[in-house]
Amino acid sequence: TRFLDDLGVERTSEWSMQTLYTIIDRRYREMRQTLVTSNLTLDEIAEKVGDRIASRIAGMCKVVEIKGKDRRLKN
């Protein structure tokens, strides 16, 4: 299993989008387990990194929404 952590927070460039697509597409085609974390919904991911990447993530992942307060923030 490989992890893509905090998808959607990276600075986007043509190179980074093509590299991300290549990684996701290969893992999708080879049916490899991939854990993706993000604070974004699939629709927001599509807006940020494109429909091709979002559709592959939707096709290869089970979406699990975890709700709660941000534990990184001090109270």
N, C-alpha and C. Protein backbone atom coordinates (compact mmCIF):
# COMPACT_ATOMS: atom_id res chain seq x y z
N THR A 1 0.85 -1.19 0.00
CA THR A 1 0.00 0.00 0.00
C THR A 1 0.88 1.24 0.00
N ARG A 2 0.55 2.20 -0.82
CA ARG A 2 1.24 3.49 -0.87
C ARG A 2 0.29 4.57 -0.42
N PHE A 3 0.83 5.66 0.06
CA PHE A 3 0.03 6.76 0.59
C PHE A 3 0.26 8.04 -0.20
N LEU A 4 -0.82 8.74 -0.48
CA LEU A 4 -0.76 10.11 -0.99
C LEU A 4 -1.39 10.96 0.10
N ASP A 5 -0.58 11.71 0.81
CA ASP A 5 -1.05 12.45 1.97
C ASP A 5 -1.38 13.90 1.60
N ASP A 6 -2.50 14.37 2.09
CA ASP A 6 -2.93 15.77 1.92
C ASP A 6 -3.04 16.18 0.46
N LEU A 7 -3.66 15.32 -0.33
CA LEU A 7 -3.85 15.62 -1.75
C LEU A 7 -4.62 16.93 -1.92
N GLY A 8 -4.12 17.79 -2.77
CA GLY A 8 -4.79 19.05 -3.05
C GLY A 8 -4.16 20.26 -2.41
N VAL A 9 -3.20 20.07 -1.51
CA VAL A 9 -2.56 21.23 -0.88
C VAL A 9 -1.28 21.63 -1.60
N GLU A 10 -0.80 20.78 -2.49
CA GLU A 10 0.44 21.06 -3.20
C GLU A 10 0.25 22.19 -4.21
N ARG A 11 1.33 22.86 -4.50
CA ARG A 11 1.33 23.87 -5.54
C ARG A 11 1.23 23.15 -6.88
N THR A 12 0.32 23.58 -7.73
CA THR A 12 0.12 22.87 -8.99
C THR A 12 0.92 23.52 -10.11
N SER A 13 1.50 22.66 -10.92
CA SER A 13 2.17 23.06 -12.14
C SER A 13 1.87 21.98 -13.17
N GLU A 14 2.16 22.25 -14.40
CA GLU A 14 1.93 21.24 -15.44
C GLU A 14 2.69 19.97 -15.11
N TRP A 15 3.94 20.11 -14.67
CA TRP A 15 4.76 18.95 -14.33
C TRP A 15 4.17 18.16 -13.17
N SER A 16 3.77 18.85 -12.10
CA SER A 16 3.24 18.14 -10.93
C SER A 16 1.92 17.44 -11.25
N MET A 17 1.07 18.06 -12.07
CA MET A 17 -0.20 17.44 -12.44
C MET A 17 0.02 16.20 -13.31
N GLN A 18 0.96 16.29 -14.25
CA GLN A 18 1.26 15.14 -15.11
C GLN A 18 1.87 14.01 -14.29
N THR A 19 2.75 14.34 -13.35
CA THR A 19 3.38 13.33 -12.51
C THR A 19 2.35 12.67 -11.61
N LEU A 20 1.47 13.45 -11.00
CA LEU A 20 0.41 12.90 -10.16
C LEU A 20 -0.50 12.00 -10.97
N TYR A 21 -0.88 12.43 -12.17
CA TYR A 21 -1.74 11.61 -13.02
C TYR A 21 -1.05 10.30 -13.37
N THR A 22 0.22 10.35 -13.70
CA THR A 22 0.97 9.14 -14.06
C THR A 22 0.98 8.14 -12.90
N ILE A 23 1.22 8.64 -11.70
CA ILE A 23 1.25 7.78 -10.51
C ILE A 23 -0.13 7.16 -10.27
N ILE A 24 -1.16 8.00 -10.24
CA ILE A 24 -2.52 7.52 -9.96
C ILE A 24 -2.98 6.56 -11.05
N ASP A 25 -2.75 6.90 -12.30
CA ASP A 25 -3.20 6.05 -13.41
C ASP A 25 -2.52 4.69 -13.38
N ARG A 26 -1.23 4.65 -13.14
CA ARG A 26 -0.52 3.38 -13.09
C ARG A 26 -1.05 2.51 -11.95
N ARG A 27 -1.24 3.11 -10.78
CA ARG A 27 -1.74 2.36 -9.64
C ARG A 27 -3.17 1.88 -9.91
N TYR A 28 -3.96 2.69 -10.59
CA TYR A 28 -5.33 2.32 -10.97
C TYR A 28 -5.31 1.12 -11.91
N ARG A 29 -4.51 1.20 -12.97
CA ARG A 29 -4.45 0.12 -13.96
C ARG A 29 -3.91 -1.18 -13.38
N GLU A 30 -2.96 -1.07 -12.45
CA GLU A 30 -2.35 -2.26 -11.85
C GLU A 30 -3.11 -2.74 -10.61
N MET A 31 -4.24 -2.07 -10.30
CA MET A 31 -5.09 -2.41 -9.17
C MET A 31 -4.29 -2.50 -7.86
N ARG A 32 -3.43 -1.51 -7.65
CA ARG A 32 -2.61 -1.47 -6.44
C ARG A 32 -3.31 -0.67 -5.35
N GLN A 33 -3.18 -1.13 -4.12
CA GLN A 33 -3.79 -0.42 -3.01
C GLN A 33 -3.13 0.93 -2.83
N THR A 34 -3.95 1.95 -2.66
CA THR A 34 -3.47 3.31 -2.49
C THR A 34 -4.36 4.01 -1.48
N LEU A 35 -3.76 4.60 -0.47
CA LEU A 35 -4.50 5.36 0.53
C LEU A 35 -4.27 6.83 0.25
N VAL A 36 -5.36 7.56 0.04
CA VAL A 36 -5.29 8.99 -0.27
C VAL A 36 -5.95 9.75 0.87
N THR A 37 -5.24 10.72 1.44
CA THR A 37 -5.85 11.58 2.45
C THR A 37 -5.96 12.98 1.89
N SER A 38 -7.03 13.67 2.28
CA SER A 38 -7.24 15.04 1.82
C SER A 38 -8.30 15.69 2.69
N ASN A 39 -8.22 16.99 2.83
CA ASN A 39 -9.28 17.74 3.48
C ASN A 39 -10.35 18.15 2.47
N LEU A 40 -10.19 17.74 1.22
CA LEU A 40 -11.09 18.12 0.15
C LEU A 40 -12.07 16.99 -0.18
N THR A 41 -13.24 17.35 -0.68
CA THR A 41 -14.18 16.37 -1.22
C THR A 41 -13.70 15.96 -2.60
N LEU A 42 -14.30 14.91 -3.18
CA LEU A 42 -13.93 14.52 -4.54
C LEU A 42 -14.20 15.64 -5.54
N ASP A 43 -15.29 16.38 -5.35
CA ASP A 43 -15.57 17.51 -6.24
C ASP A 43 -14.49 18.58 -6.13
N GLU A 44 -14.05 18.86 -4.92
CA GLU A 44 -12.99 19.86 -4.71
C GLU A 44 -11.66 19.37 -5.27
N ILE A 45 -11.40 18.07 -5.15
CA ILE A 45 -10.18 17.50 -5.74
C ILE A 45 -10.23 17.66 -7.25
N ALA A 46 -11.39 17.41 -7.85
CA ALA A 46 -11.55 17.58 -9.31
C ALA A 46 -11.26 19.02 -9.72
N GLU A 47 -11.74 19.98 -8.94
CA GLU A 47 -11.46 21.39 -9.24
C GLU A 47 -9.98 21.71 -9.12
N LYS A 48 -9.33 21.12 -8.13
CA LYS A 48 -7.93 21.44 -7.85
C LYS A 48 -6.96 20.73 -8.79
N VAL A 49 -7.16 19.42 -9.00
CA VAL A 49 -6.19 18.65 -9.77
C VAL A 49 -6.75 18.06 -11.07
N GLY A 50 -8.04 18.27 -11.32
CA GLY A 50 -8.61 17.83 -12.59
C GLY A 50 -9.50 16.61 -12.48
N ASP A 51 -10.41 16.51 -13.43
CA ASP A 51 -11.39 15.42 -13.47
C ASP A 51 -10.75 14.05 -13.68
N ARG A 52 -9.69 13.99 -14.51
CA ARG A 52 -9.07 12.68 -14.79
C ARG A 52 -8.53 12.05 -13.52
N ILE A 53 -7.84 12.84 -12.71
CA ILE A 53 -7.27 12.32 -11.47
C ILE A 53 -8.39 11.97 -10.50
N ALA A 54 -9.36 12.86 -10.34
CA ALA A 54 -10.46 12.63 -9.41
C ALA A 54 -11.27 11.39 -9.79
N SER A 55 -11.50 11.16 -11.07
CA SER A 55 -12.29 10.00 -11.48
C SER A 55 -11.54 8.71 -11.21
N ARG A 56 -10.25 8.71 -11.37
CA ARG A 56 -9.47 7.51 -11.06
C ARG A 56 -9.45 7.24 -9.56
N ILE A 57 -9.33 8.30 -8.78
CA ILE A 57 -9.39 8.13 -7.33
C ILE A 57 -10.75 7.57 -6.93
N ALA A 58 -11.82 8.11 -7.50
CA ALA A 58 -13.17 7.62 -7.19
C ALA A 58 -13.33 6.16 -7.59
N GLY A 59 -12.68 5.76 -8.69
CA GLY A 59 -12.80 4.39 -9.17
C GLY A 59 -11.96 3.39 -8.41
N MET A 60 -10.93 3.84 -7.73
CA MET A 60 -10.03 2.91 -7.06
C MET A 60 -10.08 2.98 -5.54
N CYS A 61 -10.81 3.95 -5.00
CA CYS A 61 -10.81 4.15 -3.55
C CYS A 61 -12.22 4.10 -2.99
N LYS A 62 -12.29 3.71 -1.76
CA LYS A 62 -13.53 3.82 -1.00
C LYS A 62 -13.41 5.10 -0.19
N VAL A 63 -14.38 5.99 -0.35
CA VAL A 63 -14.33 7.27 0.35
C VAL A 63 -14.83 7.08 1.78
N VAL A 64 -14.01 7.48 2.74
CA VAL A 64 -14.37 7.42 4.15
C VAL A 64 -14.23 8.84 4.69
N GLU A 65 -15.34 9.41 5.10
CA GLU A 65 -15.33 10.77 5.64
C GLU A 65 -15.17 10.70 7.16
N ILE A 66 -14.18 11.42 7.64
CA ILE A 66 -13.93 11.47 9.08
C ILE A 66 -14.19 12.90 9.53
N LYS A 67 -15.12 13.04 10.46
CA LYS A 67 -15.48 14.37 10.93
C LYS A 67 -14.97 14.57 12.35
N GLY A 68 -14.75 15.81 12.69
CA GLY A 68 -14.32 16.14 14.04
C GLY A 68 -13.53 17.43 14.01
N LYS A 69 -13.18 17.89 15.19
CA LYS A 69 -12.42 19.13 15.25
C LYS A 69 -10.99 18.89 14.80
N ASP A 70 -10.36 19.92 14.34
CA ASP A 70 -8.98 19.86 13.90
C ASP A 70 -8.07 19.76 15.13
N ARG A 71 -7.43 18.64 15.30
CA ARG A 71 -6.58 18.42 16.47
C ARG A 71 -5.24 19.14 16.38
N ARG A 72 -4.95 19.70 15.22
CA ARG A 72 -3.71 20.46 15.06
C ARG A 72 -3.84 21.87 15.63
N LEU A 73 -5.09 22.33 15.78
CA LEU A 73 -5.32 23.65 16.32
C LEU A 73 -5.31 23.61 17.84
N LYS A 74 -4.68 24.59 18.44
CA LYS A 74 -4.67 24.66 19.91
C LYS A 74 -5.98 25.26 20.39
N ASN A 75 -6.50 24.75 21.48
CA ASN A 75 -7.75 25.26 22.04
C ASN A 75 -7.51 26.38 23.01
